[in-house]
Amino acid sequence: PIFKPLVQKINTARIMRTLGSLLLGGVSLTEALKIS
């Protein structure tokens, strides 16, 4: 319980940033998910 909220927010932020950057760069969604 102490770490869960922070771990959830950190990983969600990083995944959304990586996925968004890859899609913006022209990578397909499935490939972006695998790279992330």
All heavy atoms as atom14 arrays in JSON, in Angstrom:
{
  "sequence": "PIFKPLVQKINTARIMRTLGSLLLGGVSLTEALKIS",
  "atom14_mask": [
    [1, 1, 1, 1, 1, 1, 1, 0, 0, 0, 0, 0, 0, 0],
    [1, 1, 1, 1, 1, 1, 1, 1, 0, 0, 0, 0, 0, 0],
    [1, 1, 1, 1, 1, 1, 1, 1, 1, 1, 1, 0, 0, 0],
    [1, 1, 1, 1, 1, 1, 1, 1, 1, 0, 0, 0, 0, 0],
    [1, 1, 1, 1, 1, 1, 1, 0, 0, 0, 0, 0, 0, 0],
    [1, 1, 1, 1, 1, 1, 1, 1, 0, 0, 0, 0, 0, 0],
    [1, 1, 1, 1, 1, 1, 1, 0, 0, 0, 0, 0, 0, 0],
    [1, 1, 1, 1, 1, 1, 1, 1, 1, 0, 0, 0, 0, 0],
    [1, 1, 1, 1, 1, 1, 1, 1, 1, 0, 0, 0, 0, 0],
    [1, 1, 1, 1, 1, 1, 1, 1, 0, 0, 0, 0, 0, 0],
    [1, 1, 1, 1, 1, 1, 1, 1, 0, 0, 0, 0, 0, 0],
    [1, 1, 1, 1, 1, 1, 1, 0, 0, 0, 0, 0, 0, 0],
    [1, 1, 1, 1, 1, 0, 0, 0, 0, 0, 0, 0, 0, 0],
    [1, 1, 1, 1, 1, 1, 1, 1, 1, 1, 1, 0, 0, 0],
    [1, 1, 1, 1, 1, 1, 1, 1, 0, 0, 0, 0, 0, 0],
    [1, 1, 1, 1, 1, 1, 1, 1, 0, 0, 0, 0, 0, 0],
    [1, 1, 1, 1, 1, 1, 1, 1, 1, 1, 1, 0, 0, 0],
    [1, 1, 1, 1, 1, 1, 1, 0, 0, 0, 0, 0, 0, 0],
    [1, 1, 1, 1, 1, 1, 1, 1, 0, 0, 0, 0, 0, 0],
    [1, 1, 1, 1, 0, 0, 0, 0, 0, 0, 0, 0, 0, 0],
    [1, 1, 1, 1, 1, 1, 0, 0, 0, 0, 0, 0, 0, 0],
    [1, 1, 1, 1, 1, 1, 1, 1, 0, 0, 0, 0, 0, 0],
    [1, 1, 1, 1, 1, 1, 1, 1, 0, 0, 0, 0, 0, 0],
    [1, 1, 1, 1, 1, 1, 1, 1, 0, 0, 0, 0, 0, 0],
    [1, 1, 1, 1, 0, 0, 0, 0, 0, 0, 0, 0, 0, 0],
    [1, 1, 1, 1, 0, 0, 0, 0, 0, 0, 0, 0, 0, 0],
    [1, 1, 1, 1, 1, 1, 1, 0, 0, 0, 0, 0, 0, 0],
    [1, 1, 1, 1, 1, 1, 0, 0, 0, 0, 0, 0, 0, 0],
    [1, 1, 1, 1, 1, 1, 1, 1, 0, 0, 0, 0, 0, 0],
    [1, 1, 1, 1, 1, 1, 1, 0, 0, 0, 0, 0, 0, 0],
    [1, 1, 1, 1, 1, 1, 1, 1, 1, 0, 0, 0, 0, 0],
    [1, 1, 1, 1, 1, 0, 0, 0, 0, 0, 0, 0, 0, 0],
    [1, 1, 1, 1, 1, 1, 1, 1, 0, 0, 0, 0, 0, 0],
    [1, 1, 1, 1, 1, 1, 1, 1, 1, 0, 0, 0, 0, 0],
    [1, 1, 1, 1, 1, 1, 1, 1, 0, 0, 0, 0, 0, 0],
    [1, 1, 1, 1, 1, 1, 0, 0, 0, 0, 0, 0, 0, 0]
  ],
  "atom14_positions": [
    [[0.8, -1.24, 0.0], [0.0, 0.0, 0.0], [0.83, 1.28, 0.0], [0.43, 2.28, -0.57], [-0.82, -0.11, 1.29], [-0.84, -1.56, 1.62], [0.46, -2.12, 1.13], [0.0, 0.0, 0.0], [0.0, 0.0, 0.0], [0.0, 0.0, 0.0], [0.0, 0.0, 0.0], [0.0, 0.0, 0.0], [0.0, 0.0, 0.0], [0.0, 0.0, 0.0]],
    [[2.02, 1.23, 0.63], [2.87, 2.43, 0.71], [3.39, 2.81, -0.67], [3.44, 3.99, -1.03], [4.07, 2.19, 1.67], [3.55, 1.84, 3.08], [4.98, 3.4, 1.73], [4.63, 1.38, 4.03], [0.0, 0.0, 0.0], [0.0, 0.0, 0.0], [0.0, 0.0, 0.0], [0.0, 0.0, 0.0], [0.0, 0.0, 0.0], [0.0, 0.0, 0.0]],
    [[3.81, 1.81, -1.46], [4.47, 2.08, -2.73], [3.53, 2.05, -3.94], [3.82, 2.65, -4.97], [5.6, 1.07, -2.97], [6.72, 1.16, -1.97], [6.87, 0.19, -1.0], [7.6, 2.21, -2.0], [7.9, 0.27, -0.08], [8.64, 2.3, -1.09], [8.78, 1.33, -0.12], [0.0, 0.0, 0.0], [0.0, 0.0, 0.0], [0.0, 0.0, 0.0]],
    [[2.42, 1.31, -3.85], [1.56, 1.06, -5.01], [1.15, 2.33, -5.76], [1.32, 2.4, -6.98], [0.32, 0.28, -4.58], [-0.6, -0.03, -5.76], [-1.9, -0.68, -5.32], [-2.86, -0.78, -6.49], [-4.15, -1.37, -6.1], [0.0, 0.0, 0.0], [0.0, 0.0, 0.0], [0.0, 0.0, 0.0], [0.0, 0.0, 0.0], [0.0, 0.0, 0.0]],
    [[0.59, 3.37, -5.09], [0.15, 4.55, -5.85], [1.28, 5.22, -6.64], [1.08, 5.61, -7.8], [-0.38, 5.5, -4.75], [-0.69, 4.62, -3.59], [0.32, 3.52, -3.64], [0.0, 0.0, 0.0], [0.0, 0.0, 0.0], [0.0, 0.0, 0.0], [0.0, 0.0, 0.0], [0.0, 0.0, 0.0], [0.0, 0.0, 0.0], [0.0, 0.0, 0.0]],
    [[2.46, 5.31, -6.02], [3.59, 5.96, -6.69], [4.11, 5.11, -7.84], [4.37, 5.63, -8.94], [4.71, 6.24, -5.69], [5.91, 7.07, -6.22], [5.44, 8.44, -6.7], [6.96, 7.23, -5.14], [0.0, 0.0, 0.0], [0.0, 0.0, 0.0], [0.0, 0.0, 0.0], [0.0, 0.0, 0.0], [0.0, 0.0, 0.0], [0.0, 0.0, 0.0]],
    [[4.26, 3.8, -7.63], [4.72, 2.88, -8.68], [3.76, 2.92, -9.87], [4.18, 2.95, -11.03], [4.85, 1.44, -8.14], [5.12, 0.46, -9.26], [5.97, 1.36, -7.11], [0.0, 0.0, 0.0], [0.0, 0.0, 0.0], [0.0, 0.0, 0.0], [0.0, 0.0, 0.0], [0.0, 0.0, 0.0], [0.0, 0.0, 0.0], [0.0, 0.0, 0.0]],
    [[2.45, 2.94, -9.58], [1.43, 2.98, -10.62], [1.54, 4.26, -11.45], [1.51, 4.22, -12.69], [0.04, 2.89, -9.98], [-1.09, 2.63, -10.95], [-2.43, 2.58, -10.24], [-2.86, 3.54, -9.61], [-3.12, 1.46, -10.35], [0.0, 0.0, 0.0], [0.0, 0.0, 0.0], [0.0, 0.0, 0.0], [0.0, 0.0, 0.0], [0.0, 0.0, 0.0]],
    [[1.7, 5.38, -10.79], [1.77, 6.67, -11.49], [3.06, 6.81, -12.3], [3.04, 7.31, -13.44], [1.67, 7.82, -10.48], [0.26, 8.0, -9.93], [0.23, 8.92, -8.73], [-1.18, 8.99, -8.13], [-1.22, 9.78, -6.88], [0.0, 0.0, 0.0], [0.0, 0.0, 0.0], [0.0, 0.0, 0.0], [0.0, 0.0, 0.0], [0.0, 0.0, 0.0]],
    [[4.18, 6.36, -11.73], [5.47, 6.45, -12.43], [5.44, 5.62, -13.71], [5.8, 6.12, -14.8], [6.63, 5.97, -11.52], [6.87, 6.97, -10.38], [7.91, 5.79, -12.33], [7.75, 6.43, -9.27], [0.0, 0.0, 0.0], [0.0, 0.0, 0.0], [0.0, 0.0, 0.0], [0.0, 0.0, 0.0], [0.0, 0.0, 0.0], [0.0, 0.0, 0.0]],
    [[5.02, 4.37, -13.61], [5.01, 3.49, -14.78], [3.97, 3.9, -15.82], [4.24, 3.82, -17.03], [4.77, 2.04, -14.35], [6.0, 1.41, -13.73], [6.95, 1.06, -14.43], [6.01, 1.29, -12.42], [0.0, 0.0, 0.0], [0.0, 0.0, 0.0], [0.0, 0.0, 0.0], [0.0, 0.0, 0.0], [0.0, 0.0, 0.0], [0.0, 0.0, 0.0]],
    [[2.82, 4.38, -15.36], [1.8, 4.87, -16.29], [2.31, 6.07, -17.06], [2.15, 6.16, -18.29], [0.5, 5.23, -15.54], [0.01, 4.08, -14.84], [-0.57, 5.71, -16.5], [0.0, 0.0, 0.0], [0.0, 0.0, 0.0], [0.0, 0.0, 0.0], [0.0, 0.0, 0.0], [0.0, 0.0, 0.0], [0.0, 0.0, 0.0], [0.0, 0.0, 0.0]],
    [[2.96, 6.99, -16.36], [3.52, 8.19, -17.01], [4.56, 7.81, -18.06], [4.55, 8.32, -19.19], [4.14, 9.11, -15.95], [0.0, 0.0, 0.0], [0.0, 0.0, 0.0], [0.0, 0.0, 0.0], [0.0, 0.0, 0.0], [0.0, 0.0, 0.0], [0.0, 0.0, 0.0], [0.0, 0.0, 0.0], [0.0, 0.0, 0.0], [0.0, 0.0, 0.0]],
    [[5.45, 6.89, -17.72], [6.52, 6.49, -18.64], [5.95, 5.76, -19.87], [6.39, 6.0, -21.0], [7.52, 5.59, -17.92], [8.36, 6.32, -16.89], [9.49, 5.47, -16.38], [10.47, 5.24, -17.43], [11.46, 4.35, -17.35], [11.57, 3.6, -16.27], [12.31, 4.21, -18.33], [0.0, 0.0, 0.0], [0.0, 0.0, 0.0], [0.0, 0.0, 0.0]],
    [[4.98, 4.88, -19.63], [4.38, 4.12, -20.74], [3.62, 5.05, -21.69], [3.76, 4.96, -22.92], [3.46, 3.0, -20.21], [4.3, 1.9, -19.57], [2.59, 2.42, -21.32], [3.51, 0.91, -18.76], [0.0, 0.0, 0.0], [0.0, 0.0, 0.0], [0.0, 0.0, 0.0], [0.0, 0.0, 0.0], [0.0, 0.0, 0.0], [0.0, 0.0, 0.0]],
    [[2.83, 5.94, -21.13], [2.05, 6.88, -21.96], [2.99, 7.78, -22.78], [2.74, 8.05, -23.96], [1.14, 7.74, -21.1], [0.05, 6.99, -20.33], [-1.04, 6.01, -21.37], [-0.58, 4.34, -20.9], [0.0, 0.0, 0.0], [0.0, 0.0, 0.0], [0.0, 0.0, 0.0], [0.0, 0.0, 0.0], [0.0, 0.0, 0.0], [0.0, 0.0, 0.0]],
    [[4.09, 8.24, -22.14], [5.07, 9.09, -22.83], [5.74, 8.32, -23.97], [5.88, 8.85, -25.08], [6.1, 9.59, -21.82], [7.27, 10.39, -22.4], [6.91, 11.75, -22.89], [6.29, 12.57, -21.85], [5.75, 13.76, -22.08], [5.73, 14.24, -23.33], [5.2, 14.46, -21.12], [0.0, 0.0, 0.0], [0.0, 0.0, 0.0], [0.0, 0.0, 0.0]],
    [[6.15, 7.09, -23.7], [6.84, 6.28, -24.72], [5.9, 5.93, -25.87], [6.26, 6.1, -27.04], [7.39, 4.98, -24.08], [8.21, 5.31, -22.96], [8.2, 4.19, -25.09], [0.0, 0.0, 0.0], [0.0, 0.0, 0.0], [0.0, 0.0, 0.0], [0.0, 0.0, 0.0], [0.0, 0.0, 0.0], [0.0, 0.0, 0.0], [0.0, 0.0, 0.0]],
    [[4.7, 5.46, -25.55], [3.72, 5.12, -26.58], [3.36, 6.33, -27.44], [3.33, 6.26, -28.68], [2.45, 4.55, -25.94], [2.41, 3.08, -25.56], [1.12, 2.76, -24.84], [2.58, 2.19, -26.79], [0.0, 0.0, 0.0], [0.0, 0.0, 0.0], [0.0, 0.0, 0.0], [0.0, 0.0, 0.0], [0.0, 0.0, 0.0], [0.0, 0.0, 0.0]],
    [[3.09, 7.45, -26.77], [2.72, 8.68, -27.48], [3.83, 9.15, -28.4], [3.57, 9.56, -29.55], [0.0, 0.0, 0.0], [0.0, 0.0, 0.0], [0.0, 0.0, 0.0], [0.0, 0.0, 0.0], [0.0, 0.0, 0.0], [0.0, 0.0, 0.0], [0.0, 0.0, 0.0], [0.0, 0.0, 0.0], [0.0, 0.0, 0.0], [0.0, 0.0, 0.0]],
    [[5.08, 9.1, -27.92], [6.23, 9.53, -28.72], [6.42, 8.65, -29.94], [6.68, 9.14, -31.05], [7.5, 9.51, -27.86], [7.39, 10.39, -26.77], [0.0, 0.0, 0.0], [0.0, 0.0, 0.0], [0.0, 0.0, 0.0], [0.0, 0.0, 0.0], [0.0, 0.0, 0.0], [0.0, 0.0, 0.0], [0.0, 0.0, 0.0], [0.0, 0.0, 0.0]],
    [[6.27, 7.34, -29.76], [6.44, 6.4, -30.88], [5.34, 6.57, -31.92], [5.63, 6.59, -33.13], [6.44, 4.96, -30.35], [7.7, 4.53, -29.59], [7.46, 3.26, -28.8], [8.87, 4.34, -30.56], [0.0, 0.0, 0.0], [0.0, 0.0, 0.0], [0.0, 0.0, 0.0], [0.0, 0.0, 0.0], [0.0, 0.0, 0.0], [0.0, 0.0, 0.0]],
    [[4.1, 6.72, -31.47], [2.99, 6.93, -32.42], [3.15, 8.25, -33.16], [2.88, 8.34, -34.36], [1.65, 6.9, -31.68], [1.22, 5.55, -31.07], [-0.09, 5.7, -30.31], [1.07, 4.49, -32.16], [0.0, 0.0, 0.0], [0.0, 0.0, 0.0], [0.0, 0.0, 0.0], [0.0, 0.0, 0.0], [0.0, 0.0, 0.0], [0.0, 0.0, 0.0]],
    [[3.61, 9.28, -32.44], [3.85, 10.58, -33.06], [4.95, 10.5, -34.11], [4.92, 11.21, -35.12], [4.23, 11.6, -31.97], [4.07, 13.09, -32.3], [2.6, 13.44, -32.52], [4.64, 13.94, -31.17], [0.0, 0.0, 0.0], [0.0, 0.0, 0.0], [0.0, 0.0, 0.0], [0.0, 0.0, 0.0], [0.0, 0.0, 0.0], [0.0, 0.0, 0.0]],
    [[5.91, 9.6, -33.87], [7.02, 9.42, -34.81], [6.68, 8.55, -36.0], [7.5, 8.39, -36.91], [0.0, 0.0, 0.0], [0.0, 0.0, 0.0], [0.0, 0.0, 0.0], [0.0, 0.0, 0.0], [0.0, 0.0, 0.0], [0.0, 0.0, 0.0], [0.0, 0.0, 0.0], [0.0, 0.0, 0.0], [0.0, 0.0, 0.0], [0.0, 0.0, 0.0]],
    [[5.49, 7.93, -35.99], [5.07, 7.15, -37.14], [5.15, 5.64, -36.95], [4.95, 4.88, -37.9], [0.0, 0.0, 0.0], [0.0, 0.0, 0.0], [0.0, 0.0, 0.0], [0.0, 0.0, 0.0], [0.0, 0.0, 0.0], [0.0, 0.0, 0.0], [0.0, 0.0, 0.0], [0.0, 0.0, 0.0], [0.0, 0.0, 0.0], [0.0, 0.0, 0.0]],
    [[5.41, 5.18, -35.73], [5.47, 3.74, -35.45], [4.05, 3.21, -35.29], [3.18, 3.89, -34.72], [6.29, 3.47, -34.17], [6.35, 1.98, -33.86], [7.7, 4.03, -34.31], [0.0, 0.0, 0.0], [0.0, 0.0, 0.0], [0.0, 0.0, 0.0], [0.0, 0.0, 0.0], [0.0, 0.0, 0.0], [0.0, 0.0, 0.0], [0.0, 0.0, 0.0]],
    [[3.79, 1.99, -35.77], [2.45, 1.4, -35.64], [2.16, 1.11, -34.16], [3.08, 0.97, -33.35], [2.35, 0.11, -36.45], [3.18, -0.89, -35.87], [0.0, 0.0, 0.0], [0.0, 0.0, 0.0], [0.0, 0.0, 0.0], [0.0, 0.0, 0.0], [0.0, 0.0, 0.0], [0.0, 0.0, 0.0], [0.0, 0.0, 0.0], [0.0, 0.0, 0.0]],
    [[0.87, 0.98, -33.83], [0.47, 0.78, -32.43], [1.02, -0.52, -31.85], [1.55, -0.53, -30.74], [-1.06, 0.8, -32.33], [-1.65, 0.62, -30.91], [-1.09, 1.66, -29.95], [-3.17, 0.68, -30.96], [0.0, 0.0, 0.0], [0.0, 0.0, 0.0], [0.0, 0.0, 0.0], [0.0, 0.0, 0.0], [0.0, 0.0, 0.0], [0.0, 0.0, 0.0]],
    [[0.9, -1.62, -32.6], [1.39, -2.91, -32.08], [2.9, -2.88, -31.87], [3.41, -3.38, -30.86], [1.04, -4.07, -33.04], [1.46, -3.73, -34.37], [-0.45, -4.34, -33.04], [0.0, 0.0, 0.0], [0.0, 0.0, 0.0], [0.0, 0.0, 0.0], [0.0, 0.0, 0.0], [0.0, 0.0, 0.0], [0.0, 0.0, 0.0], [0.0, 0.0, 0.0]],
    [[3.61, -2.27, -32.82], [5.07, -2.17, -32.69], [5.44, -1.25, -31.52], [6.38, -1.53, -30.77], [5.67, -1.63, -33.99], [7.18, -1.73, -34.09], [7.7, -3.16, -34.05], [6.95, -4.08, -34.45], [8.84, -3.36, -33.6], [0.0, 0.0, 0.0], [0.0, 0.0, 0.0], [0.0, 0.0, 0.0], [0.0, 0.0, 0.0], [0.0, 0.0, 0.0]],
    [[4.68, -0.17, -31.36], [4.93, 0.77, -30.25], [4.74, 0.09, -28.89], [5.5, 0.33, -27.96], [3.98, 1.97, -30.37], [0.0, 0.0, 0.0], [0.0, 0.0, 0.0], [0.0, 0.0, 0.0], [0.0, 0.0, 0.0], [0.0, 0.0, 0.0], [0.0, 0.0, 0.0], [0.0, 0.0, 0.0], [0.0, 0.0, 0.0], [0.0, 0.0, 0.0]],
    [[3.73, -0.77, -28.8], [3.48, -1.51, -27.55], [4.63, -2.47, -27.23], [5.05, -2.58, -26.09], [2.16, -2.28, -27.66], [0.87, -1.44, -27.58], [-0.31, -2.23, -28.1], [0.61, -0.98, -26.14], [0.0, 0.0, 0.0], [0.0, 0.0, 0.0], [0.0, 0.0, 0.0], [0.0, 0.0, 0.0], [0.0, 0.0, 0.0], [0.0, 0.0, 0.0]],
    [[5.13, -3.15, -28.26], [6.24, -4.09, -28.06], [7.52, -3.35, -27.66], [8.26, -3.81, -26.78], [6.48, -4.89, -29.35], [5.38, -5.88, -29.67], [5.6, -6.53, -31.03], [4.44, -7.44, -31.41], [4.61, -8.01, -32.78], [0.0, 0.0, 0.0], [0.0, 0.0, 0.0], [0.0, 0.0, 0.0], [0.0, 0.0, 0.0], [0.0, 0.0, 0.0]],
    [[7.78, -2.21, -28.31], [8.98, -1.42, -27.98], [8.87, -0.88, -26.55], [9.84, -0.93, -25.78], [9.15, -0.25, -28.98], [9.47, -0.8, -30.38], [10.25, 0.71, -28.52], [9.31, 0.23, -31.48], [0.0, 0.0, 0.0], [0.0, 0.0, 0.0], [0.0, 0.0, 0.0], [0.0, 0.0, 0.0], [0.0, 0.0, 0.0], [0.0, 0.0, 0.0]],
    [[7.69, -0.39, -26.2], [7.47, 0.15, -24.85], [7.69, -0.91, -23.78], [8.23, -0.62, -22.7], [6.05, 0.72, -24.72], [5.84, 1.77, -25.63], [0.0, 0.0, 0.0], [0.0, 0.0, 0.0], [0.0, 0.0, 0.0], [0.0, 0.0, 0.0], [0.0, 0.0, 0.0], [0.0, 0.0, 0.0], [0.0, 0.0, 0.0], [0.0, 0.0, 0.0]]
  ]
}
